[in-house]
Protein backbone atom coordinates (compact mmCIF):
# COMPACT_ATOMS: atom_id res chain seq x y z
CA MET A 1 112.12 -20.75 49.29
CA LYS A 2 115.23 -21.55 47.26
CA LEU A 3 115.22 -24.75 45.19
CA LEU A 4 118.31 -26.88 45.56
CA LYS A 5 119.87 -27.73 42.22
CA THR A 6 121.25 -31.25 42.13
CA LYS A 7 124.78 -31.35 40.80
CA THR A 8 125.09 -33.86 37.99
CA ALA A 9 127.87 -35.40 35.96
CA ARG A 10 127.62 -37.43 32.77
CA PHE A 11 128.63 -41.08 32.91
CA SER A 12 130.96 -40.53 29.95
CA GLN A 13 132.85 -37.85 31.98
CA VAL A 14 133.27 -40.28 34.87
CA ILE A 15 134.67 -42.97 32.55
CA GLU A 16 137.00 -40.41 30.96
CA LYS A 17 138.49 -39.52 34.38
CA CYS A 18 138.17 -42.81 36.30
CA GLY A 19 138.37 -45.54 33.66
CA LYS A 20 135.97 -48.29 32.54
CA PRO A 21 134.09 -49.83 35.46
CA GLN A 22 133.24 -53.45 36.11
CA VAL A 23 129.99 -54.71 37.57
CA TYR A 24 130.54 -55.92 41.14
CA THR A 25 128.31 -58.71 42.40
CA LEU A 26 127.70 -59.07 46.13
CA TRP A 27 128.06 -62.73 47.13
CA GLN A 28 128.19 -62.01 50.85
CA LYS A 29 127.32 -59.28 53.35
CA PRO A 30 129.03 -56.02 52.34
CA SER A 31 130.61 -55.70 55.80
CA THR A 32 132.39 -59.06 55.44
CA ASP A 33 133.40 -58.64 51.77
CA ARG A 34 137.12 -57.75 51.93
CA HIS A 35 137.35 -56.80 48.25
CA LEU A 36 134.33 -54.48 48.43
CA GLN A 37 135.69 -52.86 51.61
CA ALA A 38 139.04 -52.19 49.87
CA HIS A 39 137.25 -50.60 46.89
CA LEU A 40 135.10 -48.49 49.23
CA LYS A 41 138.17 -47.27 51.12
CA ASN A 42 139.66 -46.12 47.80
CA ASN A 43 136.41 -44.41 46.67
CA ARG A 44 136.02 -46.66 43.63
CA VAL A 45 132.42 -47.86 44.07
CA MET A 46 129.32 -46.40 42.40
CA THR A 47 125.76 -47.51 43.10
CA ILE A 48 123.42 -47.53 40.09
CA LEU A 49 119.75 -46.99 40.98
CA LYS A 50 116.55 -46.56 38.98
CA THR A 51 114.23 -43.55 39.12
CA GLU A 52 110.48 -44.08 39.33
CA SER A 53 110.31 -43.50 35.58
CA GLY A 54 112.82 -46.32 35.04
CA THR A 55 115.93 -44.38 34.02
CA ASP A 56 119.26 -45.30 35.59
CA PHE A 57 121.45 -42.92 37.55
CA GLY A 58 124.60 -43.39 39.60
CA VAL A 59 125.58 -42.31 43.09
CA PRO A 60 129.29 -42.48 43.98
CA GLY A 61 129.67 -44.62 47.07
CA PHE A 62 127.85 -47.67 48.37
CA LYS A 63 124.08 -47.52 48.95
CA GLU A 64 122.74 -50.93 49.90
CA ARG A 65 119.49 -51.57 48.00
CA LYS A 66 117.80 -54.73 46.73
CA VAL A 67 117.59 -53.48 43.14
CA ALA A 68 120.93 -51.66 42.94
CA THR A 69 123.84 -52.49 40.66
CA TYR A 70 127.36 -51.78 41.89
CA LEU A 71 130.22 -50.66 39.67
CA VAL A 72 133.91 -50.65 40.60
CA PHE A 73 136.19 -48.18 38.82
CA PRO A 74 139.97 -48.46 38.30
CA LYS A 75 140.49 -44.94 39.76
CA SER A 76 138.95 -42.97 42.65
CA LEU A 77 135.54 -41.32 42.22
CA LYS A 78 136.32 -38.67 44.87
CA GLN A 79 135.92 -35.76 42.42
CA PHE A 80 132.31 -36.89 41.73
CA ALA A 81 131.43 -37.54 45.39
CA ASP A 82 128.60 -34.99 45.67
CA LYS A 83 127.18 -35.51 42.18
CA ARG A 84 124.40 -37.58 40.67
CA VAL A 85 125.73 -39.43 37.62
CA ILE A 86 123.37 -39.43 34.64
CA GLY A 87 123.44 -40.89 31.14
CA ILE A 88 124.48 -44.41 32.16
CA ASP A 89 125.66 -46.23 29.04
CA TRP A 90 125.71 -49.96 29.74
CA ALA A 91 127.76 -50.57 26.58
CA LEU A 92 130.73 -48.84 28.27
CA ILE A 93 130.76 -51.25 31.22
CA SER A 94 132.97 -54.32 31.11
CA GLU A 95 131.43 -57.49 32.47
């Protein structure tokens, strides 16, 4: 049996290529949020989730979860689409 190696990218690399993100707060259903839909269409949304051990990691795209944080980047995250983003530095995120 071959173990699948998860592809990862560092958060600092993502910021270098895609710019400083902003936290996006959902005030309505994602399907009716025009701004969120526009960002999704342009591949600019990242979902930040927590592992069981409590560390944060990012997944490019929108994953609707109760405890998720959503980030919107100035540029497309397409090049990181199949990667798990590690090393989230909250100091690099503009509020």
